Amino acid sequence: MKSVYEASSGLDGHMILNLLEQHRITGRIEGEYLQGGIGELQAMGFVRVLVADEDYEQARQIIKEWEAIQPPLEGSKREDRPAGGLQLFIAGFILGAALMYWWLKLSAI
Protein backbone atom coordinates (compact mmCIF):
# COMPACT_ATOMS: atom_id res chain seq x y z
CA MET A 1 0.00 0.00 0.00
CA LYS A 2 1.12 3.54 -0.75
CA SER A 3 0.48 6.75 1.15
CA VAL A 4 -1.70 8.94 -1.04
CA TYR A 5 -2.50 11.77 1.42
CA GLU A 6 -1.14 13.15 4.69
CA ALA A 7 -4.03 14.51 6.74
CA SER A 8 -3.86 17.07 9.52
CA SER A 9 -6.30 15.04 11.64
CA GLY A 10 -8.20 11.78 11.69
CA LEU A 11 -11.31 13.64 10.56
CA ASP A 12 -9.54 14.92 7.44
CA GLY A 13 -8.22 11.45 6.76
CA HIS A 14 -11.68 9.91 6.95
CA MET A 15 -13.06 12.64 4.69
CA ILE A 16 -10.45 11.85 2.01
CA LEU A 17 -10.95 8.11 2.41
CA ASN A 18 -14.71 8.59 1.97
CA LEU A 19 -14.07 10.64 -1.19
CA LEU A 20 -11.94 7.83 -2.58
CA GLU A 21 -14.51 5.20 -1.63
CA GLN A 22 -17.11 7.14 -3.63
CA HIS A 23 -14.89 6.42 -6.65
CA ARG A 24 -14.64 2.74 -5.67
CA ILE A 25 -11.08 2.97 -4.32
CA THR A 26 -10.60 1.19 -1.03
CA GLY A 27 -7.96 2.15 1.46
CA ARG A 28 -7.22 2.62 5.11
CA ILE A 29 -6.06 5.27 7.54
CA GLU A 30 -2.83 4.83 9.42
CA GLY A 31 -1.79 6.75 12.51
CA GLU A 32 -5.08 8.37 13.48
CA TYR A 33 -4.77 7.13 17.06
CA LEU A 34 -1.34 8.73 17.44
CA GLN A 35 -2.94 12.17 17.78
CA GLY A 36 -3.15 11.65 21.53
CA GLY A 37 0.64 11.62 21.67
CA ILE A 38 1.11 15.20 20.46
CA GLY A 39 3.77 16.72 22.63
CA GLU A 40 5.77 13.53 22.61
CA LEU A 41 5.50 12.93 18.85
CA GLN A 42 5.93 15.25 15.91
CA ALA A 43 2.81 17.34 15.40
CA MET A 44 2.25 16.72 11.69
CA GLY A 45 2.37 13.95 9.15
CA PHE A 46 1.35 10.93 11.19
CA VAL A 47 -2.23 10.53 9.86
CA ARG A 48 -1.97 9.06 6.37
CA VAL A 49 -4.44 7.65 3.89
CA LEU A 50 -3.14 4.49 2.22
CA VAL A 51 -4.42 2.87 -0.98
CA ALA A 52 -3.37 -0.18 -2.98
CA ASP A 53 -0.42 0.34 -5.33
CA GLU A 54 -2.56 -0.13 -8.44
CA ASP A 55 -5.04 2.57 -7.30
CA TYR A 56 -2.38 5.14 -6.37
CA GLU A 57 -2.39 7.22 -9.59
CA GLN A 58 -6.19 7.39 -9.80
CA ALA A 59 -6.43 8.31 -6.11
CA ARG A 60 -3.83 11.09 -6.50
CA GLN A 61 -5.81 12.50 -9.46
CA ILE A 62 -9.07 12.47 -7.46
CA ILE A 63 -7.40 14.22 -4.52
CA LYS A 64 -5.75 16.78 -6.82
CA GLU A 65 -9.14 17.62 -8.39
CA TRP A 66 -10.72 17.89 -4.94
CA GLU A 67 -7.96 20.22 -3.68
CA ALA A 68 -8.35 22.43 -6.77
CA ILE A 69 -12.00 23.23 -5.97
CA GLN A 70 -11.47 24.01 -2.29
CA PRO A 71 -11.94 27.69 -1.32
CA PRO A 72 -8.91 29.50 0.07
CA LEU A 73 -8.62 29.79 3.84
CA GLU A 74 -9.99 33.01 5.29
CA GLY A 75 -7.31 35.51 6.21
CA SER A 76 -4.61 33.52 4.45
CA LYS A 77 -3.62 36.54 2.38
CA ARG A 78 -2.56 39.83 3.85
CA GLU A 79 -4.41 41.72 1.08
CA ASP A 80 -7.74 40.36 2.37
CA ARG A 81 -7.46 42.26 5.63
CA PRO A 82 -9.03 45.72 5.79
CA ALA A 83 -6.50 48.53 5.70
CA GLY A 84 -6.42 51.29 8.30
CA GLY A 85 -6.98 49.26 11.45
CA LEU A 86 -4.49 51.30 13.46
CA GLN A 87 -5.91 54.60 12.22
CA LEU A 88 -9.43 53.51 13.15
CA PHE A 89 -8.25 52.51 16.63
CA ILE A 90 -6.54 55.88 17.21
CA ALA A 91 -9.58 57.81 15.95
CA GLY A 92 -11.85 55.80 18.28
CA PHE A 93 -9.51 56.38 21.21
CA ILE A 94 -9.46 60.13 20.61
CA LEU A 95 -13.25 60.28 20.19
CA GLY A 96 -13.73 58.23 23.37
CA ALA A 97 -11.37 60.49 25.33
CA ALA A 98 -13.18 63.60 24.06
CA LEU A 99 -16.59 62.19 25.00
CA MET A 100 -15.33 61.16 28.44
CA TYR A 101 -13.88 64.66 29.02
CA TRP A 102 -17.18 66.25 27.93
CA TRP A 103 -19.23 63.92 30.19
CA LEU A 104 -17.00 64.53 33.21
CA LYS A 105 -17.13 68.31 32.59
CA LEU A 106 -20.96 68.19 32.52
CA SER A 107 -21.23 65.99 35.62
CA ALA A 108 -19.02 68.38 37.61
CA ILE A 109 -21.49 71.25 37.12
C-alpha atoms as a PDB file:
ATOM      1  CA  MET A   1       0.000   0.000   0.000  1.00  0.00           C
ATOM      2  CA  LYS A   2       1.116   3.540  -0.746  1.00  0.00           C
ATOM      3  CA  SER A   3       0.483   6.754   1.147  1.00  0.00           C
ATOM      4  CA  VAL A   4      -1.695   8.945  -1.035  1.00  0.00           C
ATOM      5  CA  TYR A   5      -2.498  11.773   1.416  1.00  0.00           C
ATOM      6  CA  GLU A   6      -1.145  13.146   4.691  1.00  0.00           C
ATOM      7  CA  ALA A   7      -4.025  14.514   6.744  1.00  0.00           C
ATOM      8  CA  SER A   8      -3.857  17.070   9.516  1.00  0.00           C
ATOM      9  CA  SER A   9      -6.300  15.041  11.641  1.00  0.00           C
ATOM     10  CA  GLY A  10      -8.200  11.782  11.686  1.00  0.00           C
ATOM     11  CA  LEU A  11     -11.311  13.640  10.561  1.00  0.00           C
ATOM     12  CA  ASP A  12      -9.539  14.921   7.438  1.00  0.00           C
ATOM     13  CA  GLY A  13      -8.216  11.454   6.758  1.00  0.00           C
ATOM     14  CA  HIS A  14     -11.683   9.909   6.946  1.00  0.00           C
ATOM     15  CA  MET A  15     -13.065  12.637   4.687  1.00  0.00           C
ATOM     16  CA  ILE A  16     -10.450  11.850   2.008  1.00  0.00           C
ATOM     17  CA  LEU A  17     -10.954   8.107   2.409  1.00  0.00           C
ATOM     18  CA  ASN A  18     -14.710   8.593   1.974  1.00  0.00           C
ATOM     19  CA  LEU A  19     -14.075  10.642  -1.186  1.00  0.00           C
ATOM     20  CA  LEU A  20     -11.937   7.834  -2.582  1.00  0.00           C
ATOM     21  CA  GLU A  21     -14.508   5.197  -1.630  1.00  0.00           C
ATOM     22  CA  GLN A  22     -17.112   7.140  -3.628  1.00  0.00           C
ATOM     23  CA  HIS A  23     -14.889   6.418  -6.652  1.00  0.00           C
ATOM     24  CA  ARG A  24     -14.636   2.737  -5.667  1.00  0.00           C
ATOM     25  CA  ILE A  25     -11.084   2.974  -4.321  1.00  0.00           C
ATOM     26  CA  THR A  26     -10.601   1.188  -1.030  1.00  0.00           C
ATOM     27  CA  GLY A  27      -7.957   2.145   1.457  1.00  0.00           C
ATOM     28  CA  ARG A  28      -7.216   2.617   5.107  1.00  0.00           C
ATOM     29  CA  ILE A  29      -6.060   5.270   7.541  1.00  0.00           C
ATOM     30  CA  GLU A  30      -2.827   4.834   9.419  1.00  0.00           C
ATOM     31  CA  GLY A  31      -1.790   6.754  12.505  1.00  0.00           C
ATOM     32  CA  GLU A  32      -5.084   8.368  13.478  1.00  0.00           C
ATOM     33  CA  TYR A  33      -4.766   7.132  17.061  1.00  0.00           C
ATOM     34  CA  LEU A  34      -1.340   8.726  17.438  1.00  0.00           C
ATOM     35  CA  GLN A  35      -2.935  12.166  17.779  1.00  0.00           C
ATOM     36  CA  GLY A  36      -3.152  11.649  21.533  1.00  0.00           C
ATOM     37  CA  GLY A  37       0.639  11.618  21.668  1.00  0.00           C
ATOM     38  CA  ILE A  38       1.109  15.197  20.460  1.00  0.00           C
ATOM     39  CA  GLY A  39       3.774  16.723  22.629  1.00  0.00           C
ATOM     40  CA  GLU A  40       5.774  13.534  22.607  1.00  0.00           C
ATOM     41  CA  LEU A  41       5.497  12.926  18.851  1.00  0.00           C
ATOM     42  CA  GLN A  42       5.934  15.249  15.912  1.00  0.00           C
ATOM     43  CA  ALA A  43       2.813  17.343  15.400  1.00  0.00           C
ATOM     44  CA  MET A  44       2.246  16.721  11.686  1.00  0.00           C
ATOM     45  CA  GLY A  45       2.374  13.949   9.154  1.00  0.00           C
ATOM     46  CA  PHE A  46       1.350  10.933  11.186  1.00  0.00           C
ATOM     47  CA  VAL A  47      -2.226  10.526   9.855  1.00  0.00           C
ATOM     48  CA  ARG A  48      -1.965   9.061   6.373  1.00  0.00           C
ATOM     49  CA  VAL A  49      -4.439   7.648   3.886  1.00  0.00           C
ATOM     50  CA  LEU A  50      -3.141   4.495   2.216  1.00  0.00           C
ATOM     51  CA  VAL A  51      -4.415   2.874  -0.981  1.00  0.00           C
ATOM     52  CA  ALA A  52      -3.370  -0.181  -2.982  1.00  0.00           C
ATOM     53  CA  ASP A  53      -0.415   0.337  -5.335  1.00  0.00           C
ATOM     54  CA  GLU A  54      -2.564  -0.134  -8.441  1.00  0.00           C
ATOM     55  CA  ASP A  55      -5.039   2.575  -7.296  1.00  0.00           C
ATOM     56  CA  TYR A  56      -2.379   5.137  -6.372  1.00  0.00           C
ATOM     57  CA  GLU A  57      -2.389   7.223  -9.588  1.00  0.00           C
ATOM     58  CA  GLN A  58      -6.189   7.389  -9.800  1.00  0.00           C
ATOM     59  CA  ALA A  59      -6.427   8.311  -6.112  1.00  0.00           C
ATOM     60  CA  ARG A  60      -3.829  11.095  -6.496  1.00  0.00           C
ATOM     61  CA  GLN A  61      -5.810  12.495  -9.456  1.00  0.00           C
ATOM     62  CA  ILE A  62      -9.070  12.472  -7.461  1.00  0.00           C
ATOM     63  CA  ILE A  63      -7.401  14.217  -4.521  1.00  0.00           C
ATOM     64  CA  LYS A  64      -5.746  16.777  -6.817  1.00  0.00           C
ATOM     65  CA  GLU A  65      -9.137  17.616  -8.388  1.00  0.00           C
ATOM     66  CA  TRP A  66     -10.721  17.889  -4.935  1.00  0.00           C
ATOM     67  CA  GLU A  67      -7.959  20.218  -3.677  1.00  0.00           C
ATOM     68  CA  ALA A  68      -8.351  22.433  -6.773  1.00  0.00           C
ATOM     69  CA  ILE A  69     -12.001  23.229  -5.975  1.00  0.00           C
ATOM     70  CA  GLN A  70     -11.470  24.015  -2.293  1.00  0.00           C
ATOM     71  CA  PRO A  71     -11.942  27.686  -1.320  1.00  0.00           C
ATOM     72  CA  PRO A  72      -8.915  29.499   0.067  1.00  0.00           C
ATOM     73  CA  LEU A  73      -8.623  29.790   3.838  1.00  0.00           C
ATOM     74  CA  GLU A  74      -9.986  33.014   5.293  1.00  0.00           C
ATOM     75  CA  GLY A  75      -7.306  35.515   6.211  1.00  0.00           C
ATOM     76  CA  SER A  76      -4.611  33.520   4.451  1.00  0.00           C
ATOM     77  CA  LYS A  77      -3.618  36.538   2.375  1.00  0.00           C
ATOM     78  CA  ARG A  78      -2.561  39.834   3.854  1.00  0.00           C
ATOM     79  CA  GLU A  79      -4.407  41.722   1.077  1.00  0.00           C
ATOM     80  CA  ASP A  80      -7.736  40.359   2.366  1.00  0.00           C
ATOM     81  CA  ARG A  81      -7.457  42.260   5.628  1.00  0.00           C
ATOM     82  CA  PRO A  82      -9.028  45.717   5.787  1.00  0.00           C
ATOM     83  CA  ALA A  83      -6.499  48.526   5.702  1.00  0.00           C
ATOM     84  CA  GLY A  84      -6.417  51.285   8.296  1.00  0.00           C
ATOM     85  CA  GLY A  85      -6.984  49.261  11.451  1.00  0.00           C
ATOM     86  CA  LEU A  86      -4.492  51.299  13.461  1.00  0.00           C
ATOM     87  CA  GLN A  87      -5.909  54.604  12.221  1.00  0.00           C
ATOM     88  CA  LEU A  88      -9.428  53.510  13.149  1.00  0.00           C
ATOM     89  CA  PHE A  89      -8.254  52.511  16.634  1.00  0.00           C
ATOM     90  CA  ILE A  90      -6.539  55.878  17.207  1.00  0.00           C
ATOM     91  CA  ALA A  91      -9.581  57.810  15.954  1.00  0.00           C
ATOM     92  CA  GLY A  92     -11.847  55.797  18.276  1.00  0.00           C
ATOM     93  CA  PHE A  93      -9.507  56.379  21.207  1.00  0.00           C
ATOM     94  CA  ILE A  94      -9.462  60.132  20.614  1.00  0.00           C
ATOM     95  CA  LEU A  95     -13.251  60.275  20.188  1.00  0.00           C
ATOM     96  CA  GLY A  96     -13.729  58.233  23.370  1.00  0.00           C
ATOM     97  CA  ALA A  97     -11.367  60.489  25.327  1.00  0.00           C
ATOM     98  CA  ALA A  98     -13.179  63.602  24.064  1.00  0.00           C
ATOM     99  CA  LEU A  99     -16.590  62.195  25.001  1.00  0.00           C
ATOM    100  CA  MET A 100     -15.333  61.165  28.437  1.00  0.00           C
ATOM    101  CA  TYR A 101     -13.885  64.665  29.024  1.00  0.00           C
ATOM    102  CA  TRP A 102     -17.181  66.252  27.929  1.00  0.00           C
ATOM    103  CA  TRP A 103     -19.229  63.923  30.187  1.00  0.00           C
ATOM    104  CA  LEU A 104     -16.998  64.534  33.208  1.00  0.00           C
ATOM    105  CA  LYS A 105     -17.132  68.305  32.588  1.00  0.00           C
ATOM    106  CA  LEU A 106     -20.965  68.186  32.519  1.00  0.00           C
ATOM    107  CA  SER A 107     -21.233  65.985  35.616  1.00  0.00           C
ATOM    108  CA  ALA A 108     -19.020  68.384  37.609  1.00  0.00           C
ATOM    109  CA  ILE A 109     -21.485  71.249  37.124  1.00  0.00           C
END
